[in-house]
Amino acid sequence: MSKHFEDARYYLGRAAEHAKAGVAEELEPVEKRVKEFVGREDEEPEPSRLDKLQSDLKQLEERAEGEAREAVVSARERVAEYRGKDAAAE
């Protein structure tokens, strides 16, 4: 494909994206009024299955981090205790 056609295709895609964004921006107040009229104001959508899984994974990650920190503190205390016994034996 000629470079000119590739460029034209690229710019047509960009123009379409900008046109879509412009239309959405212009229709936003109308959409809001219709939702208010119908009684469906900005309702939060139900979380998708993927969102729920991501949330669960985040909680597991945070719990694992906390448990790892506790394990490190415990290990450091045991090492310090062991070194203290070693120094007392000498």
PDB file of N, CA and C in Angstrom:
ATOM      1  N   MET A   1       0.849  -1.172   0.000  1.00  0.00           N
ATOM      2  CA  MET A   1       0.000   0.000   0.000  1.00  0.00           C
ATOM      3  C   MET A   1       0.895   1.236   0.000  1.00  0.00           C
ATOM      4  N   SER A   2       0.510   2.189  -0.761  1.00  0.00           N
ATOM      5  CA  SER A   2       1.275   3.413  -0.882  1.00  0.00           C
ATOM      6  C   SER A   2       1.297   4.152   0.460  1.00  0.00           C
ATOM      7  N   LYS A   3       2.386   4.839   0.684  1.00  0.00           N
ATOM      8  CA  LYS A   3       2.537   5.604   1.921  1.00  0.00           C
ATOM      9  C   LYS A   3       1.421   6.638   2.053  1.00  0.00           C
ATOM     10  N   HIS A   4       0.988   7.191   0.923  1.00  0.00           N
ATOM     11  CA  HIS A   4      -0.084   8.188   0.963  1.00  0.00           C
ATOM     12  C   HIS A   4      -1.386   7.574   1.472  1.00  0.00           C
ATOM     13  N   PHE A   5      -1.674   6.357   1.043  1.00  0.00           N
ATOM     14  CA  PHE A   5      -2.893   5.694   1.497  1.00  0.00           C
ATOM     15  C   PHE A   5      -2.795   5.342   2.980  1.00  0.00           C
ATOM     16  N   GLU A   6      -1.619   4.927   3.403  1.00  0.00           N
ATOM     17  CA  GLU A   6      -1.430   4.620   4.828  1.00  0.00           C
ATOM     18  C   GLU A   6      -1.652   5.864   5.674  1.00  0.00           C
ATOM     19  N   ASP A   7      -1.094   6.981   5.218  1.00  0.00           N
ATOM     20  CA  ASP A   7      -1.277   8.242   5.943  1.00  0.00           C
ATOM     21  C   ASP A   7      -2.749   8.647   5.963  1.00  0.00           C
ATOM     22  N   ALA A   8      -3.404   8.521   4.806  1.00  0.00           N
ATOM     23  CA  ALA A   8      -4.813   8.899   4.720  1.00  0.00           C
ATOM     24  C   ALA A   8      -5.651   8.022   5.649  1.00  0.00           C
ATOM     25  N   ARG A   9      -5.355   6.733   5.691  1.00  0.00           N
ATOM     26  CA  ARG A   9      -6.089   5.817   6.565  1.00  0.00           C
ATOM     27  C   ARG A   9      -5.893   6.193   8.035  1.00  0.00           C
ATOM     28  N   TYR A  10      -4.662   6.535   8.394  1.00  0.00           N
ATOM     29  CA  TYR A  10      -4.363   6.937   9.764  1.00  0.00           C
ATOM     30  C   TYR A  10      -5.163   8.186  10.139  1.00  0.00           C
ATOM     31  N   TYR A  11      -5.127   9.198   9.279  1.00  0.00           N
ATOM     32  CA  TYR A  11      -5.802  10.449   9.591  1.00  0.00           C
ATOM     33  C   TYR A  11      -7.323  10.300   9.568  1.00  0.00           C
ATOM     34  N   LEU A  12      -7.844   9.417   8.731  1.00  0.00           N
ATOM     35  CA  LEU A  12      -9.286   9.152   8.762  1.00  0.00           C
ATOM     36  C   LEU A  12      -9.676   8.497  10.084  1.00  0.00           C
ATOM     37  N   GLY A  13      -8.831   7.601  10.580  1.00  0.00           N
ATOM     38  CA  GLY A  13      -9.093   6.971  11.882  1.00  0.00           C
ATOM     39  C   GLY A  13      -9.089   7.998  12.994  1.00  0.00           C
ATOM     40  N   ARG A  14      -8.117   8.888  12.959  1.00  0.00           N
ATOM     41  CA  ARG A  14      -8.042   9.943  13.979  1.00  0.00           C
ATOM     42  C   ARG A  14      -9.251  10.870  13.897  1.00  0.00           C
ATOM     43  N   ALA A  15      -9.651  11.200  12.668  1.00  0.00           N
ATOM     44  CA  ALA A  15     -10.813  12.070  12.492  1.00  0.00           C
ATOM     45  C   ALA A  15     -12.060  11.394  13.040  1.00  0.00           C
ATOM     46  N   ALA A  16     -12.205  10.102  12.820  1.00  0.00           N
ATOM     47  CA  ALA A  16     -13.357   9.378  13.335  1.00  0.00           C
ATOM     48  C   ALA A  16     -13.357   9.376  14.862  1.00  0.00           C
ATOM     49  N   GLU A  17     -12.188   9.181  15.476  1.00  0.00           N
ATOM     50  CA  GLU A  17     -12.093   9.203  16.935  1.00  0.00           C
ATOM     51  C   GLU A  17     -12.497  10.571  17.489  1.00  0.00           C
ATOM     52  N   HIS A  18     -12.010  11.630  16.856  1.00  0.00           N
ATOM     53  CA  HIS A  18     -12.342  12.983  17.310  1.00  0.00           C
ATOM     54  C   HIS A  18     -13.823  13.283  17.103  1.00  0.00           C
ATOM     55  N   ALA A  19     -14.378  12.828  15.988  1.00  0.00           N
ATOM     56  CA  ALA A  19     -15.805  13.043  15.740  1.00  0.00           C
ATOM     57  C   ALA A  19     -16.640  12.320  16.789  1.00  0.00           C
ATOM     58  N   LYS A  20     -16.256  11.090  17.125  1.00  0.00           N
ATOM     59  CA  LYS A  20     -16.983  10.321  18.136  1.00  0.00           C
ATOM     60  C   LYS A  20     -16.928  11.030  19.493  1.00  0.00           C
ATOM     61  N   ALA A  21     -15.740  11.507  19.865  1.00  0.00           N
ATOM     62  CA  ALA A  21     -15.588  12.213  21.140  1.00  0.00           C
ATOM     63  C   ALA A  21     -16.410  13.503  21.141  1.00  0.00           C
ATOM     64  N   GLY A  22     -16.443  14.207  20.013  1.00  0.00           N
ATOM     65  CA  GLY A  22     -17.206  15.447  19.913  1.00  0.00           C
ATOM     66  C   GLY A  22     -18.693  15.200  20.047  1.00  0.00           C
ATOM     67  N   VAL A  23     -19.189  14.173  19.388  1.00  0.00           N
ATOM     68  CA  VAL A  23     -20.612  13.849  19.469  1.00  0.00           C
ATOM     69  C   VAL A  23     -20.973  13.454  20.896  1.00  0.00           C
ATOM     70  N   ALA A  24     -20.134  12.636  21.523  1.00  0.00           N
ATOM     71  CA  ALA A  24     -20.404  12.220  22.903  1.00  0.00           C
ATOM     72  C   ALA A  24     -20.439  13.428  23.831  1.00  0.00           C
ATOM     73  N   GLU A  25     -19.524  14.365  23.623  1.00  0.00           N
ATOM     74  CA  GLU A  25     -19.471  15.567  24.456  1.00  0.00           C
ATOM     75  C   GLU A  25     -20.709  16.435  24.245  1.00  0.00           C
ATOM     76  N   GLU A  26     -21.151  16.563  23.007  1.00  0.00           N
ATOM     77  CA  GLU A  26     -22.321  17.385  22.710  1.00  0.00           C
ATOM     78  C   GLU A  26     -23.600  16.745  23.252  1.00  0.00           C
ATOM     79  N   LEU A  27     -23.676  15.430  23.241  1.00  0.00           N
ATOM     80  CA  LEU A  27     -24.892  14.748  23.671  1.00  0.00           C
ATOM     81  C   LEU A  27     -24.932  14.461  25.166  1.00  0.00           C
ATOM     82  N   GLU A  28     -23.862  14.731  25.871  1.00  0.00           N
ATOM     83  CA  GLU A  28     -23.807  14.446  27.302  1.00  0.00           C
ATOM     84  C   GLU A  28     -24.927  15.142  28.083  1.00  0.00           C
ATOM     85  N   PRO A  29     -25.176  16.444  27.874  1.00  0.00           N
ATOM     86  CA  PRO A  29     -26.277  17.082  28.621  1.00  0.00           C
ATOM     87  C   PRO A  29     -27.637  16.484  28.279  1.00  0.00           C
ATOM     88  N   VAL A  30     -27.837  16.120  27.023  1.00  0.00           N
ATOM     89  CA  VAL A  30     -29.102  15.520  26.616  1.00  0.00           C
ATOM     90  C   VAL A  30     -29.275  14.167  27.290  1.00  0.00           C
ATOM     91  N   GLU A  31     -28.215  13.379  27.309  1.00  0.00           N
ATOM     92  CA  GLU A  31     -28.261  12.062  27.957  1.00  0.00           C
ATOM     93  C   GLU A  31     -28.599  12.206  29.439  1.00  0.00           C
ATOM     94  N   LYS A  32     -27.989  13.192  30.073  1.00  0.00           N
ATOM     95  CA  LYS A  32     -28.238  13.408  31.500  1.00  0.00           C
ATOM     96  C   LYS A  32     -29.699  13.766  31.752  1.00  0.00           C
ATOM     97  N   ARG A  33     -30.274  14.643  30.918  1.00  0.00           N
ATOM     98  CA  ARG A  33     -31.676  15.024  31.077  1.00  0.00           C
ATOM     99  C   ARG A  33     -32.610  13.842  30.854  1.00  0.00           C
ATOM    100  N   VAL A  34     -32.308  13.034  29.862  1.00  0.00           N
ATOM    101  CA  VAL A  34     -33.145  11.860  29.594  1.00  0.00           C
ATOM    102  C   VAL A  34     -33.089  10.895  30.765  1.00  0.00           C
ATOM    103  N   LYS A  35     -31.901  10.668  31.313  1.00  0.00           N
ATOM    104  CA  LYS A  35     -31.772   9.764  32.464  1.00  0.00           C
ATOM    105  C   LYS A  35     -32.547  10.301  33.663  1.00  0.00           C
ATOM    106  N   GLU A  36     -32.493  11.603  33.877  1.00  0.00           N
ATOM    107  CA  GLU A  36     -33.249  12.194  34.986  1.00  0.00           C
ATOM    108  C   GLU A  36     -34.742  12.046  34.749  1.00  0.00           C
ATOM    109  N   PHE A  37     -35.173  12.250  33.519  1.00  0.00           N
ATOM    110  CA  PHE A  37     -36.588  12.150  33.180  1.00  0.00           C
ATOM    111  C   PHE A  37     -37.092  10.723  33.366  1.00  0.00           C
ATOM    112  N   VAL A  38     -36.291   9.759  32.959  1.00  0.00           N
ATOM    113  CA  VAL A  38     -36.680   8.353  33.050  1.00  0.00           C
ATOM    114  C   VAL A  38     -36.509   7.839  34.477  1.00  0.00           C
ATOM    115  N   GLY A  39     -35.680   8.528  35.258  1.00  0.00           N
ATOM    116  CA  GLY A  39     -35.461   8.104  36.633  1.00  0.00           C
ATOM    117  C   GLY A  39     -34.244   7.216  36.792  1.00  0.00           C
ATOM    118  N   ARG A  40     -33.410   7.197  35.814  1.00  0.00           N
ATOM    119  CA  ARG A  40     -32.188   6.389  35.890  1.00  0.00           C
ATOM    120  C   ARG A  40     -30.987   7.316  35.951  1.00  0.00           C
ATOM    121  N   GLU A  41     -30.843   8.003  37.053  1.00  0.00           N
ATOM    122  CA  GLU A  41     -29.694   8.876  37.207  1.00  0.00           C
ATOM    123  C   GLU A  41     -28.451   8.015  37.305  1.00  0.00           C
ATOM    124  N   ASP A  42     -27.332   8.633  37.347  1.00  0.00           N
ATOM    125  CA  ASP A  42     -26.055   7.922  37.283  1.00  0.00           C
ATOM    126  C   ASP A  42     -25.973   6.797  38.305  1.00  0.00           C
ATOM    127  N   GLU A  43     -26.480   5.644  37.920  1.00  0.00           N
ATOM    128  CA  GLU A  43     -26.401   4.463  38.767  1.00  0.00           C
ATOM    129  C   GLU A  43     -25.062   3.779  38.540  1.00  0.00           C
ATOM    130  N   GLU A  44     -24.497   3.299  39.610  1.00  0.00           N
ATOM    131  CA  GLU A  44     -23.252   2.559  39.487  1.00  0.00           C
ATOM    132  C   GLU A  44     -23.560   1.174  38.929  1.00  0.00           C
ATOM    133  N   PRO A  45     -22.851   0.766  37.895  1.00  0.00           N
ATOM    134  CA  PRO A  45     -23.101  -0.571  37.359  1.00  0.00           C
ATOM    135  C   PRO A  45     -22.599  -1.646  38.319  1.00  0.00           C
ATOM    136  N   GLU A  46     -23.212  -2.807  38.230  1.00  0.00           N
ATOM    137  CA  GLU A  46     -22.771  -3.929  39.047  1.00  0.00           C
ATOM    138  C   GLU A  46     -21.340  -4.284  38.659  1.00  0.00           C
ATOM    139  N   PRO A  47     -20.510  -4.601  39.641  1.00  0.00           N
ATOM    140  CA  PRO A  47     -19.140  -4.980  39.285  1.00  0.00           C
ATOM    141  C   PRO A  47     -19.145  -6.273  38.477  1.00  0.00           C
ATOM    142  N   SER A  48     -18.312  -6.295  37.477  1.00  0.00           N
ATOM    143  CA  SER A  48     -18.252  -7.480  36.630  1.00  0.00           C
ATOM    144  C   SER A  48     -17.499  -8.582  37.360  1.00  0.00           C
ATOM    145  N   ARG A  49     -17.540  -9.751  36.793  1.00  0.00           N
ATOM    146  CA  ARG A  49     -16.843 -10.886  37.392  1.00  0.00           C
ATOM    147  C   ARG A  49     -15.349 -10.614  37.462  1.00  0.00           C
ATOM    148  N   LEU A  50     -14.815  -9.983  36.414  1.00  0.00           N
ATOM    149  CA  LEU A  50     -13.399  -9.647  36.393  1.00  0.00           C
ATOM    150  C   LEU A  50     -13.069  -8.653  37.504  1.00  0.00           C
ATOM    151  N   ASP A  51     -13.924  -7.646  37.692  1.00  0.00           N
ATOM    152  CA  ASP A  51     -13.700  -6.666  38.755  1.00  0.00           C
ATOM    153  C   ASP A  51     -13.688  -7.331  40.125  1.00  0.00           C
ATOM    154  N   LYS A  52     -14.619  -8.269  40.333  1.00  0.00           N
ATOM    155  CA  LYS A  52     -14.670  -8.991  41.610  1.00  0.00           C
ATOM    156  C   LYS A  52     -13.399  -9.804  41.824  1.00  0.00           C
ATOM    157  N   LEU A  53     -12.950 -10.484  40.764  1.00  0.00           N
ATOM    158  CA  LEU A  53     -11.727 -11.280  40.887  1.00  0.00           C
ATOM    159  C   LEU A  53     -10.521 -10.399  41.174  1.00  0.00           C
ATOM    160  N   GLN A  54     -10.443  -9.248  40.498  1.00  0.00           N
ATOM    161  CA  GLN A  54      -9.328  -8.336  40.741  1.00  0.00           C
ATOM    162  C   GLN A  54      -9.350  -7.820  42.166  1.00  0.00           C
ATOM    163  N   SER A  55     -10.528  -7.536  42.679  1.00  0.00           N
ATOM    164  CA  SER A  55     -10.661  -7.071  44.054  1.00  0.00           C
ATOM    165  C   SER A  55     -10.210  -8.163  45.032  1.00  0.00           C
ATOM    166  N   ASP A  56     -10.647  -9.394  44.783  1.00  0.00           N
ATOM    167  CA  ASP A  56     -10.249 -10.510  45.642  1.00  0.00           C
ATOM    168  C   ASP A  56      -8.739 -10.714  45.606  1.00  0.00           C
ATOM    169  N   LEU A  57      -8.158 -10.631  44.414  1.00  0.00           N
ATOM    170  CA  LEU A  57      -6.706 -10.805  44.297  1.00  0.00           C
ATOM    171  C   LEU A  57      -5.959  -9.701  45.035  1.00  0.00           C
ATOM    172  N   LYS A  58      -6.473  -8.481  44.973  1.00  0.00           N
ATOM    173  CA  LYS A  58      -5.839  -7.365  45.676  1.00  0.00           C
ATOM    174  C   LYS A  58      -5.864  -7.605  47.179  1.00  0.00           C
ATOM    175  N   GLN A  59      -6.999  -8.090  47.691  1.00  0.00           N
ATOM    176  CA  GLN A  59      -7.101  -8.389  49.122  1.00  0.00           C
ATOM    177  C   GLN A  59      -6.132  -9.493  49.519  1.00  0.00           C
ATOM    178  N   LEU A  60      -6.029 -10.533  48.685  1.00  0.00           N
ATOM    179  CA  LEU A  60      -5.098 -11.615  48.973  1.00  0.00           C
ATOM    180  C   LEU A  60      -3.658 -11.124  48.968  1.00  0.00           C
ATOM    181  N   GLU A  61      -3.357 -10.252  48.016  1.00  0.00           N
ATOM    182  CA  GLU A  61      -2.006  -9.699  47.930  1.00  0.00           C
ATOM    183  C   GLU A  61      -1.668  -8.900  49.186  1.00  0.00           C
ATOM    184  N   GLU A  62      -2.604  -8.077  49.641  1.00  0.00           N
ATOM    185  CA  GLU A  62      -2.371  -7.275  50.841  1.00  0.00           C
ATOM    186  C   GLU A  62      -2.204  -8.166  52.062  1.00  0.00           C
ATOM    187  N   ARG A  63      -3.017  -9.218  52.156  1.00  0.00           N
ATOM    188  CA  ARG A  63      -2.903 -10.140  53.286  1.00  0.00           C
ATOM    189  C   ARG A  63      -1.554 -10.861  53.261  1.00  0.00           C
ATOM    190  N   ALA A  64      -1.127 -11.287  52.072  1.00  0.00           N
ATOM    191  CA  ALA A  64       0.146 -11.982  51.949  1.00  0.00           C
ATOM    192  C   ALA A  64       1.305 -11.055  52.319  1.00  0.00           C
ATOM    193  N   GLU A  65       1.219  -9.785  51.926  1.00  0.00           N
ATOM    194  CA  GLU A  65       2.263  -8.829  52.290  1.00  0.00           C
ATOM    195  C   GLU A  65       2.346  -8.674  53.800  1.00  0.00           C
ATOM    196  N   GLY A  66       1.187  -8.577  54.452  1.00  0.00           N
ATOM    197  CA  GLY A  66       1.172  -8.441  55.913  1.00  0.00           C
ATOM    198  C   GLY A  66       1.767  -9.661  56.596  1.00  0.00           C
ATOM    199  N   GLU A  67       1.390 -10.846  56.116  1.00  0.00           N
ATOM    200  CA  GLU A  67       1.928 -12.074  56.703  1.00  0.00           C
ATOM    201  C   GLU A  67       3.431 -12.175  56.460  1.00  0.00           C
ATOM    202  N   ALA A  68       3.893 -11.746  55.301  1.00  0.00           N
ATOM    203  CA  ALA A  68       5.331 -11.790  55.011  1.00  0.00           C
ATOM    204  C   ALA A  68       6.091 -10.841  55.935  1.00  0.00           C
ATOM    205  N   ARG A  69       5.525  -9.657  56.160  1.00  0.00           N
ATOM    206  CA  ARG A  69       6.188  -8.712  57.068  1.00  0.00           C
ATOM    207  C   ARG A  69       6.284  -9.293  58.483  1.00  0.00           C
ATOM    208  N   GLU A  70       5.198  -9.926  58.939  1.00  0.00           N
ATOM    209  CA  GLU A  70       5.209 -10.540  60.263  1.00  0.00           C
ATOM    210  C   GLU A  70       6.254 -11.647  60.337  1.00  0.00           C
ATOM    211  N   ALA A  71       6.381 -12.433  59.283  1.00  0.00           N
ATOM    212  CA  ALA A  71       7.361 -13.518  59.251  1.00  0.00           C
ATOM    213  C   ALA A  71       8.775 -12.968  59.297  1.00  0.00           C
ATOM    214  N   VAL A  72       9.017 -11.872  58.597  1.00  0.00           N
ATOM    215  CA  VAL A  72      10.353 -11.263  58.597  1.00  0.00           C
ATOM    216  C   VAL A  72      10.691 -10.732  59.985  1.00  0.00           C
ATOM    217  N   VAL A  73       9.730 -10.081  60.633  1.00  0.00           N
ATOM    218  CA  VAL A  73       9.970  -9.555  61.978  1.00  0.00           C
ATOM    219  C   VAL A  73      10.260 -10.706  62.939  1.00  0.00           C
ATOM    220  N   SER A  74       9.484 -11.758  62.831  1.00  0.00           N
ATOM    221  CA  SER A  74       9.683 -12.920  63.693  1.00  0.00           C
ATOM    222  C   SER A  74      11.050 -13.543  63.455  1.00  0.00           C
ATOM    223  N   ALA A  75      11.435 -13.673  62.209  1.00  0.00           N
ATOM    224  CA  ALA A  75      12.736 -14.259  61.886  1.00  0.00           C
ATOM    225  C   ALA A  75      13.871 -13.388  62.415  1.00  0.00           C
ATOM    226  N   ARG A  76      13.735 -12.094  62.275  1.00  0.00           N
ATOM    227  CA  ARG A  76      14.784 -11.193  62.784  1.00  0.00           C
ATOM    228  C   ARG A  76      14.910 -11.316  64.304  1.00  0.00           C
ATOM    229  N   GLU A  77      13.771 -11.430  64.993  1.00  0.00           N
ATOM    230  CA  GLU A  77      13.804 -11.577  66.446  1.00  0.00           C
ATOM    231  C   GLU A  77      14.503 -12.882  66.833  1.00  0.00           C
ATOM    232  N   ARG A  78      14.180 -13.959  66.119  1.00  0.00           N
ATOM    233  CA  ARG A  78      14.818 -15.244  66.431  1.00  0.00           C
ATOM    234  C   ARG A  78      16.314 -15.209  66.162  1.00  0.00           C
ATOM    235  N   VAL A  79      16.724 -14.551  65.068  1.00  0.00           N
ATOM    236  CA  VAL A  79      18.147 -14.450  64.753  1.00  0.00           C
ATOM    237  C   VAL A  79      18.852 -13.622  65.815  1.00  0.00           C
ATOM    238  N   ALA A  80      18.228 -12.517  66.231  1.00  0.00           N
ATOM    239  CA  ALA A  80      18.832 -11.679  67.265  1.00  0.00           C
ATOM    240  C   ALA A  80      18.948 -12.447  68.576  1.00  0.00           C
ATOM    241  N   GLU A  81      17.926 -13.230  68.912  1.00  0.00           N
ATOM    242  CA  GLU A  81      17.943 -14.043  70.128  1.00  0.00           C
ATOM    243  C   GLU A  81      19.052 -15.097  70.044  1.00  0.00           C
ATOM    244  N   TYR A  82      19.172 -15.722  68.883  1.00  0.00           N
ATOM    245  CA  TYR A  82      20.200 -16.744  68.700  1.00  0.00           C
ATOM    246  C   TYR A  82      21.593 -16.142  68.815  1.00  0.00           C
ATOM    247  N   ARG A  83      21.782 -14.976  68.206  1.00  0.00           N
ATOM    248  CA  ARG A  83      23.095 -14.316  68.279  1.00  0.00           C
ATOM    249  C   ARG A  83      23.393 -13.879  69.705  1.00  0.00           C
ATOM    250  N   GLY A  84      22.372 -13.510  70.461  1.00  0.00           N
ATOM    251  CA  GLY A  84      22.568 -13.129  71.844  1.00  0.00           C
ATOM    252  C   GLY A  84      23.007 -14.315  72.691  1.00  0.00           C
ATOM    253  N   LYS A  85      22.478 -15.505  72.436  1.00  0.00           N
ATOM    254  CA  LYS A  85      22.886 -16.706  73.135  1.00  0.00           C
ATOM    255  C   LYS A  85      24.302 -17.091  72.770  1.00  0.00           C
ATOM    256  N   ASP A  86      24.655 -16.909  71.503  1.00  0.00           N
ATOM    257  CA  ASP A  86      26.015 -17.208  71.043  1.00  0.00           C
ATOM    258  C   ASP A  86      27.035 -16.314  71.730  1.00  0.00           C
ATOM    259  N   ALA A  87      26.704 -15.037  71.871  1.00  0.00           N
ATOM    260  CA  ALA A  87      27.627 -14.098  72.497  1.00  0.00           C
ATOM    261  C   ALA A  87      27.756 -14.403  73.990  1.00  0.00           C
ATOM    262  N   ALA A  88      26.698 -14.853  74.633  1.00  0.00           N
ATOM    263  CA  ALA A  88      26.726 -15.154  76.057  1.00  0.00           C
ATOM    264  C   ALA A  88      27.532 -16.427  76.323  1.00  0.00           C
ATOM    265  N   ALA A  89      27.584 -17.352  75.361  1.00  0.00           N
ATOM    266  CA  ALA A  89      28.302 -18.611  75.523  1.00  0.00           C
ATOM    267  C   ALA A  89      29.809 -18.395  75.459  1.00  0.00           C
ATOM    268  N   GLU A  90      30.241 -17.351  74.814  1.00  0.00           N
ATOM    269  CA  GLU A  90      31.698 -17.130  74.648  1.00  0.00           C
ATOM    270  C   GLU A  90      32.339 -16.568  75.827  1.00  0.00           C
TER     271      GLU A  90
END
